[in-house]
Amino acid sequence: MHKLAFLFVLIAAMQIGRAADLRLEDVPYPFPVKTYKLSTQQQDLEMSYMDVAPSGQSRGTILLLHGKNFNGAYWEETANALSAQGYRVIIPDQIGFGKSSKPNRYQYSFHQLAQNTHSLLTNLNVSEVHILGHSMGGMLAIRMALLYPESTKSLTLVNPIGLEDWQMKGVPYQTPDQWYQQEFKQTAEKIRTYQKENYYHGEWNPHYERWVEQAAATLRSPNYSTIAWNQALAYEMIYTQPVCHEFSRIKVPTLLIIGQKDRTAIGANLASADVRQTLGDYPKLGRATALKIPNSTLAELEGIGHVPHIENFGRFIEPLKTFLASK
């Protein structure tokens, strides 16, 4: 086994059995973590974020938005590359995720998360920003670009979910209580199997194990019921708030980076076999979306799945650099 791969396996093995606390206080992040206090929905909450300074002459600010099953830490390599290009990189954990507050009650909406994030940027005196979102973060990035077009310089969507309306496709609705119960059926092995099949098209690399163990550590948390409830509310938000009907309203330059092996679709396991076969066809969805978004560019990554910046960073970063250089 390659020495680096062995190191990843060893680190993951050392983590097995460790429980994560409510806000991942013991989980290391790649850059210093800061806290933004905000009052929202009649409660005081905290958004954790990383703020990476540019190297050399500044070329602007980039906001990186994480997916549902991740947090800001998985943007480490991306942030380092963009910082080296002269960008300030801001990486928040959304409310309910990562090191941010996980409230016992919260009405999740992409509008609310967009407003929270815009408030963070305002507090940091950022008036213009390039927005990049992956997976669920892509849905949030679209909502931000629609709500705040005057402050959005460009939009990059990396294998975003929400390119199709699962309700209209025939995926049955689940209540937050049903999603909540489903969260308690998770195990480390189930998380690994899901990621292997849905994120990495049946292939596995030892350095993916870090993200399995981080998710599995929350299962052992004494506060897991709160974590699970926030995840359930996020699932309901994703299902009930499609963004795909508003693509034509996006006015900013947009880059779609689409791993062609991706087949991710929320609730696909709940649908009939016939419906399931039609879901998550990212090659088809990416091309259709590019036709709907004015001033958009499509970068198709052959042989890559749902998480391009983890699976093959070199293939992911090149179209992003080219796109940003033109803006």
Protein backbone atom coordinates (compact mmCIF):
# COMPACT_ATOMS: atom_id res chain seq x y z
CA MET A 1 0.00 0.00 0.00
CA HIS A 2 1.22 3.52 -0.82
CA LYS A 3 2.58 5.29 2.29
CA LEU A 4 0.08 8.18 2.02
CA ALA A 5 -2.86 5.81 1.60
CA PHE A 6 -1.64 3.80 4.58
CA LEU A 7 -1.51 7.00 6.64
CA PHE A 8 -5.13 7.80 5.85
CA VAL A 9 -6.19 4.28 6.86
CA LEU A 10 -4.17 4.52 10.08
CA ILE A 11 -5.68 7.88 11.03
CA ALA A 12 -9.19 6.57 10.35
CA ALA A 13 -8.48 3.48 12.43
CA MET A 14 -7.29 5.63 15.34
CA GLN A 15 -10.56 7.60 15.16
CA ILE A 16 -12.83 4.54 15.31
CA GLY A 17 -14.88 4.57 18.47
CA ARG A 18 -14.45 8.28 19.15
CA ALA A 19 -17.68 10.22 19.53
CA ALA A 20 -18.13 13.73 18.15
CA ASP A 21 -19.77 16.37 20.31
CA LEU A 22 -22.63 18.59 19.20
CA ARG A 23 -20.45 21.17 17.46
CA LEU A 24 -17.44 19.03 16.55
CA GLU A 25 -15.25 20.85 19.05
CA ASP A 26 -12.68 18.03 18.98
CA VAL A 27 -12.69 17.67 15.19
CA PRO A 28 -9.76 19.58 13.63
CA TYR A 29 -10.45 21.95 10.75
CA PRO A 30 -7.75 22.95 8.24
CA PHE A 31 -7.85 26.69 9.02
CA PRO A 32 -8.63 28.76 12.13
CA VAL A 33 -12.34 28.69 12.91
CA LYS A 34 -14.15 31.92 13.73
CA THR A 35 -17.66 32.52 15.03
CA TYR A 36 -20.37 34.87 13.81
CA LYS A 37 -23.22 35.48 16.26
CA LEU A 38 -26.63 36.07 14.75
CA SER A 39 -30.17 36.37 16.00
CA THR A 40 -32.58 34.41 13.86
CA GLN A 41 -36.04 32.92 14.43
CA GLN A 42 -36.19 34.31 17.98
CA GLN A 43 -32.97 32.69 19.14
CA ASP A 44 -29.29 33.51 19.33
CA LEU A 45 -27.18 31.18 17.19
CA GLU A 46 -23.61 30.98 15.94
CA MET A 47 -22.24 30.35 12.46
CA SER A 48 -18.73 28.95 12.40
CA TYR A 49 -16.59 29.84 9.42
CA MET A 50 -13.04 29.89 8.09
CA ASP A 51 -11.60 32.97 6.42
CA VAL A 52 -8.50 32.25 4.32
CA ALA A 53 -6.44 35.26 3.24
CA PRO A 54 -5.22 35.59 -0.35
CA SER A 55 -1.60 35.13 -1.29
CA GLY A 56 -0.22 38.09 -3.18
CA GLN A 57 -2.40 40.59 -5.01
CA SER A 58 -6.09 40.20 -4.19
CA ARG A 59 -8.44 39.11 -6.96
CA GLY A 60 -11.61 39.18 -4.91
CA THR A 61 -13.51 36.91 -2.54
CA ILE A 62 -14.93 33.42 -3.03
CA LEU A 63 -17.62 31.85 -0.86
CA LEU A 64 -17.55 28.03 -0.64
CA LEU A 65 -20.81 26.31 0.35
CA HIS A 66 -20.76 22.71 1.59
CA GLY A 67 -23.12 19.83 0.87
CA LYS A 68 -25.54 18.20 3.28
CA ASN A 69 -23.36 15.26 4.29
CA PHE A 70 -20.24 17.38 4.72
CA ASN A 71 -19.00 20.58 6.31
CA GLY A 72 -16.57 23.32 5.38
CA ALA A 73 -13.48 21.23 6.20
CA TYR A 74 -13.64 19.31 2.92
CA TRP A 75 -12.81 22.52 1.00
CA GLU A 76 -9.21 22.53 2.31
CA GLU A 77 -7.45 21.76 -0.98
CA THR A 78 -9.78 24.06 -2.92
CA ALA A 79 -9.22 26.93 -0.49
CA ASN A 80 -5.43 26.54 -0.65
CA ALA A 81 -5.49 26.59 -4.45
CA LEU A 82 -7.79 29.62 -4.65
CA SER A 83 -5.81 31.48 -2.00
CA ALA A 84 -2.67 30.89 -4.04
CA GLN A 85 -4.49 32.46 -6.99
CA GLY A 86 -5.10 35.63 -4.96
CA TYR A 87 -8.62 35.03 -3.66
CA ARG A 88 -9.89 35.53 -0.16
CA VAL A 89 -11.83 32.35 0.64
CA ILE A 90 -14.74 32.31 3.10
CA ILE A 91 -16.02 28.89 4.17
CA PRO A 92 -19.04 28.82 6.49
CA ASP A 93 -20.70 25.89 8.20
CA GLN A 94 -24.43 26.44 7.80
CA ILE A 95 -26.66 26.49 10.86
CA GLY A 96 -27.28 22.84 11.74
CA PHE A 97 -24.00 21.63 10.26
CA GLY A 98 -20.37 21.17 11.25
CA LYS A 99 -19.22 23.48 14.04
CA SER A 100 -22.23 25.80 13.82
CA SER A 101 -25.20 25.84 16.21
CA LYS A 102 -27.67 22.99 15.98
CA PRO A 103 -30.93 24.39 17.30
CA ASN A 104 -33.68 22.23 18.76
CA ARG A 105 -36.18 24.15 16.64
CA TYR A 106 -35.57 25.85 13.32
CA GLN A 107 -37.61 26.35 10.18
CA TYR A 108 -35.09 25.45 7.53
CA SER A 109 -35.33 27.13 4.16
CA PHE A 110 -32.80 28.03 1.51
CA HIS A 111 -34.01 31.61 1.82
CA GLN A 112 -33.16 31.60 5.53
CA LEU A 113 -29.73 30.00 5.03
CA ALA A 114 -29.02 32.47 2.22
CA GLN A 115 -29.96 35.39 4.46
CA ASN A 116 -27.78 34.02 7.27
CA THR A 117 -24.82 33.71 4.91
CA HIS A 118 -25.36 37.13 3.36
CA SER A 119 -25.46 38.59 6.86
CA LEU A 120 -22.11 36.94 7.59
CA LEU A 121 -20.61 38.48 4.45
CA THR A 122 -21.98 41.89 5.37
CA ASN A 123 -20.43 41.57 8.81
CA LEU A 124 -17.11 40.80 7.11
CA ASN A 125 -17.48 43.87 4.86
CA VAL A 126 -17.69 41.73 1.73
CA SER A 127 -19.85 43.51 -0.84
CA GLU A 128 -19.09 41.31 -3.89
CA VAL A 129 -18.40 37.59 -3.95
CA HIS A 130 -17.94 34.65 -6.28
CA ILE A 131 -20.24 31.88 -4.99
CA LEU A 132 -19.37 28.19 -5.33
CA GLY A 133 -21.70 25.50 -4.03
CA HIS A 134 -21.49 21.72 -4.04
CA SER A 135 -24.43 19.31 -3.74
CA MET A 136 -26.94 20.90 -1.30
CA GLY A 137 -24.61 23.89 -1.28
CA GLY A 138 -25.43 24.26 -4.97
CA MET A 139 -29.11 24.73 -4.17
CA LEU A 140 -28.16 27.34 -1.57
CA ALA A 141 -25.77 29.04 -3.99
CA ILE A 142 -28.58 29.37 -6.55
CA ARG A 143 -30.89 30.88 -3.94
CA MET A 144 -28.19 33.37 -2.92
CA ALA A 145 -27.55 34.38 -6.54
CA LEU A 146 -31.29 34.95 -7.03
CA LEU A 147 -31.75 36.89 -3.80
CA TYR A 148 -28.55 38.95 -4.02
CA PRO A 149 -27.62 39.33 -7.71
CA GLU A 150 -26.06 42.74 -7.11
CA SER A 151 -23.41 41.22 -4.83
CA THR A 152 -22.85 37.98 -6.77
CA LYS A 153 -19.97 38.24 -9.27
CA SER A 154 -20.28 34.67 -10.50
CA LEU A 155 -21.88 31.35 -9.63
CA THR A 156 -20.22 27.92 -9.76
CA LEU A 157 -22.28 24.77 -9.21
CA VAL A 158 -20.38 21.55 -8.52
CA ASN A 159 -22.62 18.50 -8.94
CA PRO A 160 -25.51 20.35 -7.30
CA ILE A 161 -28.52 18.42 -6.18
CA GLY A 162 -31.85 19.94 -7.09
CA LEU A 163 -31.36 19.89 -10.87
CA GLU A 164 -34.66 17.98 -10.98
CA ASP A 165 -37.89 18.22 -8.98
CA TRP A 166 -38.20 14.91 -7.13
CA GLN A 167 -41.82 15.62 -6.21
CA MET A 168 -42.80 15.92 -9.85
CA LYS A 169 -40.70 12.88 -10.77
CA GLY A 170 -42.65 10.68 -8.36
CA VAL A 171 -40.48 10.45 -5.25
CA PRO A 172 -42.87 10.15 -2.28
CA TYR A 173 -42.85 12.74 0.49
CA GLN A 174 -41.40 11.89 3.90
CA THR A 175 -42.19 13.90 7.01
CA PRO A 176 -39.36 15.25 9.18
CA ASP A 177 -40.29 12.57 11.74
CA GLN A 178 -39.76 9.86 9.12
CA TRP A 179 -36.40 11.35 8.07
CA TYR A 180 -35.50 11.54 11.76
CA GLN A 181 -36.17 7.85 12.31
CA GLN A 182 -34.17 7.01 9.22
CA GLU A 183 -31.16 8.87 10.66
CA PHE A 184 -31.13 6.44 13.60
CA LYS A 185 -30.68 3.51 11.23
CA GLN A 186 -27.31 4.83 10.08
CA THR A 187 -24.05 2.99 10.79
CA ALA A 188 -20.49 3.63 9.68
CA GLU A 189 -20.76 0.74 7.24
CA LYS A 190 -24.00 2.07 5.75
CA ILE A 191 -22.45 5.52 5.34
CA ARG A 192 -19.41 4.00 3.63
CA THR A 193 -21.56 1.88 1.32
CA TYR A 194 -23.77 4.86 0.42
CA GLN A 195 -20.79 7.07 -0.39
CA LYS A 196 -19.06 4.36 -2.39
CA GLU A 197 -22.13 3.64 -4.50
CA ASN A 198 -23.50 7.18 -4.85
CA TYR A 199 -20.46 9.46 -4.63
CA TYR A 200 -17.64 7.41 -6.11
CA HIS A 201 -19.49 5.15 -8.60
CA GLY A 202 -18.54 1.92 -6.84
CA GLU A 203 -14.86 2.74 -6.35
CA TRP A 204 -13.05 3.50 -3.10
CA ASN A 205 -9.88 5.30 -2.10
CA PRO A 206 -8.53 5.25 1.48
CA HIS A 207 -8.54 9.05 1.67
CA TYR A 208 -12.37 9.02 1.41
CA GLU A 209 -12.44 7.28 4.80
CA ARG A 210 -11.93 10.56 6.63
CA TRP A 211 -15.40 11.74 5.65
CA VAL A 212 -17.01 8.43 6.59
CA GLU A 213 -15.47 8.49 10.05
CA GLN A 214 -16.38 12.12 10.65
CA ALA A 215 -20.02 11.33 9.88
CA ALA A 216 -19.91 8.11 11.91
CA ALA A 217 -18.45 9.93 14.91
CA THR A 218 -21.64 11.99 15.19
CA LEU A 219 -23.65 8.75 15.48
CA ARG A 220 -21.85 8.08 18.77
CA SER A 221 -22.44 11.58 20.12
CA PRO A 222 -24.52 11.93 23.30
CA ASN A 223 -26.23 14.76 21.40
CA TYR A 224 -26.99 12.70 18.34
CA SER A 225 -30.76 13.19 18.67
CA THR A 226 -30.29 16.95 18.12
CA ILE A 227 -27.90 16.36 15.21
CA ALA A 228 -30.33 13.87 13.65
CA TRP A 229 -33.28 16.27 14.00
CA ASN A 230 -31.40 19.04 12.19
CA GLN A 231 -30.48 16.58 9.43
CA ALA A 232 -34.11 15.53 9.12
CA LEU A 233 -35.25 19.14 8.78
CA ALA A 234 -32.58 19.71 6.13
CA TYR A 235 -33.83 16.72 4.12
CA GLU A 236 -37.36 18.11 4.21
CA MET A 237 -36.07 21.49 3.02
CA ILE A 238 -34.22 19.91 0.11
CA TYR A 239 -37.26 17.89 -1.00
CA THR A 240 -39.89 20.63 -0.67
CA GLN A 241 -37.93 23.62 -2.01
CA PRO A 242 -36.77 22.86 -5.56
CA VAL A 243 -34.73 25.49 -7.35
CA CYS A 244 -34.77 23.92 -10.81
CA HIS A 245 -37.83 25.92 -11.93
CA GLU A 246 -35.93 29.21 -11.54
CA PHE A 247 -32.81 28.58 -13.62
CA SER A 248 -33.88 31.08 -16.28
CA ARG A 249 -33.88 33.84 -13.63
CA ILE A 250 -30.17 33.50 -12.89
CA LYS A 251 -28.47 36.60 -14.28
CA VAL A 252 -24.84 36.12 -13.24
CA PRO A 253 -22.15 34.20 -15.18
CA THR A 254 -22.46 30.56 -14.18
CA LEU A 255 -20.17 27.53 -14.38
CA LEU A 256 -21.54 24.00 -14.05
CA ILE A 257 -18.92 21.40 -13.10
CA ILE A 258 -20.60 18.03 -13.48
CA GLY A 259 -19.02 14.68 -12.68
CA GLN A 260 -20.59 12.39 -15.25
CA LYS A 261 -20.69 9.29 -13.05
CA ASP A 262 -22.93 10.95 -10.44
CA ARG A 263 -26.37 9.43 -9.84
CA THR A 264 -27.31 11.18 -6.57
CA ALA A 265 -31.04 11.74 -6.03
CA ILE A 266 -32.67 12.51 -2.68
CA GLY A 267 -35.27 9.89 -1.80
CA ALA A 268 -34.44 7.62 -4.73
CA ASN A 269 -34.64 4.61 -2.41
CA LEU A 270 -38.25 5.53 -1.63
CA ALA A 271 -39.36 5.62 -5.27
CA SER A 272 -40.60 2.76 -7.40
CA ALA A 273 -38.04 0.88 -9.49
CA ASP A 274 -39.32 2.54 -12.68
CA VAL A 275 -39.03 6.04 -11.22
CA ARG A 276 -35.67 5.29 -9.61
CA GLN A 277 -34.16 4.49 -13.01
CA THR A 278 -34.97 8.00 -14.25
CA LEU A 279 -33.43 9.88 -11.30
CA GLY A 280 -30.00 11.44 -10.93
CA ASP A 281 -28.95 11.28 -14.58
CA TYR A 282 -26.30 13.98 -14.19
CA PRO A 283 -25.03 13.99 -17.79
CA LYS A 284 -28.58 14.68 -18.99
CA LEU A 285 -29.42 17.04 -16.11
CA GLY A 286 -26.22 19.06 -16.53
CA ARG A 287 -26.80 19.65 -20.23
CA ALA A 288 -30.46 20.56 -19.73
CA THR A 289 -29.56 22.97 -16.93
CA ALA A 290 -26.86 24.66 -18.99
CA LEU A 291 -29.46 25.38 -21.66
CA LYS A 292 -31.79 27.00 -19.11
CA ILE A 293 -29.26 29.24 -17.33
CA PRO A 294 -28.31 32.29 -19.42
CA ASN A 295 -24.58 32.96 -19.74
CA SER A 296 -23.62 29.52 -18.45
CA THR A 297 -20.66 27.24 -19.15
CA LEU A 298 -20.71 23.46 -18.74
CA ALA A 299 -17.62 21.46 -17.75
CA GLU A 300 -18.30 17.72 -17.98
CA LEU A 301 -15.84 15.55 -16.03
CA GLU A 302 -15.86 12.04 -17.48
CA GLY A 303 -15.31 9.21 -15.03
CA ILE A 304 -15.92 11.43 -11.99
CA GLY A 305 -18.76 11.15 -9.46
CA HIS A 306 -20.57 13.38 -6.99
CA VAL A 307 -17.60 14.97 -5.20
CA PRO A 308 -15.12 16.05 -7.90
CA HIS A 309 -12.93 18.16 -5.62
CA ILE A 310 -12.30 15.11 -3.42
CA GLU A 311 -12.16 12.40 -6.07
CA ASN A 312 -9.91 14.15 -8.58
CA PHE A 313 -8.89 17.65 -7.53
CA GLY A 314 -6.76 18.33 -10.61
CA ARG A 315 -9.64 17.70 -12.99
CA PHE A 316 -11.97 19.79 -10.83
CA ILE A 317 -9.80 22.88 -10.33
CA GLU A 318 -8.77 23.52 -13.94
CA PRO A 319 -12.20 24.55 -15.32
CA LEU A 320 -12.79 26.58 -12.16
CA LYS A 321 -9.53 28.50 -12.58
CA THR A 322 -10.28 29.15 -16.26
CA PHE A 323 -13.78 30.39 -15.45
CA LEU A 324 -12.69 32.69 -12.64
CA ALA A 325 -9.82 34.12 -14.69
CA SER A 326 -12.37 35.45 -17.18
CA LYS A 327 -14.44 37.22 -14.50
